[in-house]
Amino acid sequence: MVRTDNDSWDPATSVGATATMVATARAVATKRGLISDPFAEPLVRAVGVDFFYPAGRRRA
């Protein structure tokens, strides 16, 4: 899909969803001690898309 000057997006759609998926991976890697990204998990939680939460856990 081609981007245009007047298009819009948010963290739950389009390119924002891609960024949120990367932040999810960074949050997991941070919990495992592989990297340190203190902003990844709060960003994912703020987006509020249930897909990004582990099975059986719901967002607050």
N, C-alpha and C. Protein backbone atom coordinates (compact mmCIF):
# COMPACT_ATOMS: atom_id res chain seq x y z
N MET A 1 0.84 -1.16 0.00
CA MET A 1 0.00 0.00 0.00
C MET A 1 0.90 1.24 0.00
N VAL A 2 0.55 2.18 -0.80
CA VAL A 2 1.31 3.42 -0.92
C VAL A 2 0.81 4.42 0.12
N ARG A 3 1.72 5.07 0.79
CA ARG A 3 1.37 6.10 1.77
C ARG A 3 1.11 7.41 1.04
N THR A 4 0.22 8.22 1.56
CA THR A 4 -0.05 9.54 0.99
C THR A 4 0.18 10.61 2.04
N ASP A 5 0.29 11.85 1.60
CA ASP A 5 0.57 12.94 2.53
C ASP A 5 -0.54 13.16 3.56
N ASN A 6 -1.78 12.87 3.18
CA ASN A 6 -2.89 13.17 4.09
C ASN A 6 -3.51 11.93 4.73
N ASP A 7 -2.80 10.80 4.71
CA ASP A 7 -3.36 9.61 5.35
C ASP A 7 -3.20 9.70 6.86
N SER A 8 -3.86 8.80 7.56
CA SER A 8 -3.76 8.80 9.01
C SER A 8 -3.64 7.36 9.50
N TRP A 9 -3.11 7.21 10.71
CA TRP A 9 -2.97 5.90 11.32
C TRP A 9 -2.88 6.10 12.82
N ASP A 10 -3.00 5.00 13.54
CA ASP A 10 -2.84 5.03 14.99
C ASP A 10 -2.07 3.78 15.40
N PRO A 11 -1.73 3.62 16.67
CA PRO A 11 -0.91 2.48 17.10
C PRO A 11 -1.58 1.12 16.94
N ALA A 12 -2.88 1.08 16.66
CA ALA A 12 -3.58 -0.20 16.53
C ALA A 12 -3.86 -0.58 15.08
N THR A 13 -3.54 0.28 14.13
CA THR A 13 -3.83 0.00 12.73
C THR A 13 -2.64 0.37 11.84
N SER A 14 -2.64 -0.17 10.65
CA SER A 14 -1.68 0.20 9.62
C SER A 14 -0.24 0.10 10.13
N VAL A 15 0.58 1.09 9.84
CA VAL A 15 1.98 1.05 10.26
C VAL A 15 2.11 1.07 11.78
N GLY A 16 1.11 1.61 12.46
CA GLY A 16 1.13 1.61 13.92
C GLY A 16 1.08 0.21 14.50
N ALA A 17 0.32 -0.68 13.86
CA ALA A 17 0.24 -2.07 14.32
C ALA A 17 1.60 -2.75 14.16
N THR A 18 2.31 -2.43 13.09
CA THR A 18 3.65 -2.99 12.90
C THR A 18 4.58 -2.50 14.01
N ALA A 19 4.52 -1.23 14.32
CA ALA A 19 5.34 -0.69 15.40
C ALA A 19 4.99 -1.32 16.74
N THR A 20 3.71 -1.58 16.96
CA THR A 20 3.28 -2.21 18.21
C THR A 20 3.77 -3.65 18.28
N MET A 21 3.78 -4.36 17.16
CA MET A 21 4.32 -5.73 17.16
C MET A 21 5.80 -5.72 17.51
N VAL A 22 6.55 -4.77 16.98
CA VAL A 22 7.97 -4.66 17.32
C VAL A 22 8.13 -4.34 18.80
N ALA A 23 7.32 -3.44 19.32
CA ALA A 23 7.37 -3.11 20.75
C ALA A 23 7.04 -4.33 21.60
N THR A 24 6.11 -5.17 21.14
CA THR A 24 5.78 -6.39 21.86
C THR A 24 6.99 -7.31 21.95
N ALA A 25 7.68 -7.48 20.83
CA ALA A 25 8.88 -8.32 20.82
C ALA A 25 9.94 -7.73 21.75
N ARG A 26 10.08 -6.42 21.75
CA ARG A 26 11.07 -5.77 22.62
C ARG A 26 10.69 -5.93 24.09
N ALA A 27 9.39 -5.89 24.40
CA ALA A 27 8.95 -6.09 25.78
C ALA A 27 9.27 -7.50 26.25
N VAL A 28 9.04 -8.48 25.40
CA VAL A 28 9.36 -9.88 25.75
C VAL A 28 10.86 -10.03 25.94
N ALA A 29 11.64 -9.47 25.03
CA ALA A 29 13.10 -9.57 25.14
C ALA A 29 13.61 -8.87 26.39
N THR A 30 12.98 -7.78 26.78
CA THR A 30 13.37 -7.08 28.00
C THR A 30 13.12 -7.95 29.22
N LYS A 31 11.94 -8.60 29.27
CA LYS A 31 11.63 -9.47 30.42
C LYS A 31 12.61 -10.64 30.51
N ARG A 32 13.14 -11.07 29.37
CA ARG A 32 14.10 -12.18 29.36
C ARG A 32 15.53 -11.72 29.60
N GLY A 33 15.74 -10.42 29.73
CA GLY A 33 17.07 -9.90 29.99
C GLY A 33 17.96 -9.77 28.76
N LEU A 34 17.38 -9.91 27.57
CA LEU A 34 18.17 -9.83 26.35
C LEU A 34 18.49 -8.39 25.96
N ILE A 35 17.56 -7.50 26.20
CA ILE A 35 17.74 -6.07 25.94
C ILE A 35 17.10 -5.30 27.08
N SER A 36 17.25 -4.00 27.06
CA SER A 36 16.59 -3.16 28.06
C SER A 36 15.81 -2.06 27.35
N ASP A 37 14.50 -2.20 27.33
CA ASP A 37 13.63 -1.19 26.72
C ASP A 37 12.48 -0.94 27.69
N PRO A 38 12.65 0.00 28.61
CA PRO A 38 11.62 0.24 29.62
C PRO A 38 10.33 0.83 29.06
N PHE A 39 10.35 1.27 27.82
CA PHE A 39 9.17 1.90 27.22
C PHE A 39 8.31 0.93 26.42
N ALA A 40 8.83 -0.24 26.09
CA ALA A 40 8.12 -1.18 25.21
C ALA A 40 6.82 -1.67 25.83
N GLU A 41 6.87 -2.22 27.03
CA GLU A 41 5.66 -2.76 27.65
C GLU A 41 4.59 -1.69 27.90
N PRO A 42 4.95 -0.52 28.44
CA PRO A 42 3.91 0.51 28.61
C PRO A 42 3.28 0.93 27.29
N LEU A 43 4.06 0.98 26.22
CA LEU A 43 3.49 1.34 24.92
C LEU A 43 2.48 0.30 24.48
N VAL A 44 2.84 -0.97 24.58
CA VAL A 44 1.93 -2.05 24.16
C VAL A 44 0.65 -2.01 25.00
N ARG A 45 0.78 -1.82 26.30
CA ARG A 45 -0.41 -1.76 27.16
C ARG A 45 -1.28 -0.56 26.81
N ALA A 46 -0.67 0.56 26.47
CA ALA A 46 -1.44 1.76 26.14
C ALA A 46 -2.22 1.61 24.84
N VAL A 47 -1.70 0.81 23.91
CA VAL A 47 -2.40 0.61 22.64
C VAL A 47 -3.73 -0.09 22.89
N GLY A 48 -3.73 -1.09 23.77
CA GLY A 48 -4.98 -1.74 24.17
C GLY A 48 -5.58 -2.70 23.17
N VAL A 49 -4.75 -3.34 22.35
CA VAL A 49 -5.24 -4.35 21.41
C VAL A 49 -5.08 -5.71 22.06
N ASP A 50 -6.18 -6.44 22.24
CA ASP A 50 -6.14 -7.73 22.93
C ASP A 50 -5.18 -8.73 22.29
N PHE A 51 -4.96 -8.64 21.01
CA PHE A 51 -4.06 -9.56 20.30
C PHE A 51 -2.67 -9.58 20.94
N PHE A 52 -2.24 -8.47 21.50
CA PHE A 52 -0.88 -8.36 22.02
C PHE A 52 -0.74 -8.85 23.45
N TYR A 53 -1.79 -9.44 24.02
CA TYR A 53 -1.74 -9.95 25.38
C TYR A 53 -1.69 -11.46 25.37
N PRO A 54 -0.94 -12.07 26.29
CA PRO A 54 -0.87 -13.53 26.35
C PRO A 54 -2.25 -14.14 26.58
N ALA A 55 -2.43 -15.35 26.10
CA ALA A 55 -3.71 -16.06 26.28
C ALA A 55 -4.04 -16.14 27.76
N GLY A 56 -5.28 -15.87 28.08
CA GLY A 56 -5.72 -15.95 29.46
C GLY A 56 -5.53 -14.67 30.26
N ARG A 57 -4.84 -13.69 29.69
CA ARG A 57 -4.64 -12.42 30.38
C ARG A 57 -5.39 -11.33 29.64
N ARG A 58 -6.03 -10.49 30.36
CA ARG A 58 -6.76 -9.38 29.76
C ARG A 58 -6.10 -8.08 30.17
N ARG A 59 -6.25 -7.11 29.33
CA ARG A 59 -5.68 -5.81 29.65
C ARG A 59 -6.47 -5.15 30.77
N ALA A 60 -5.81 -4.34 31.53
CA ALA A 60 -6.46 -3.67 32.66
C ALA A 60 -7.23 -2.45 32.20
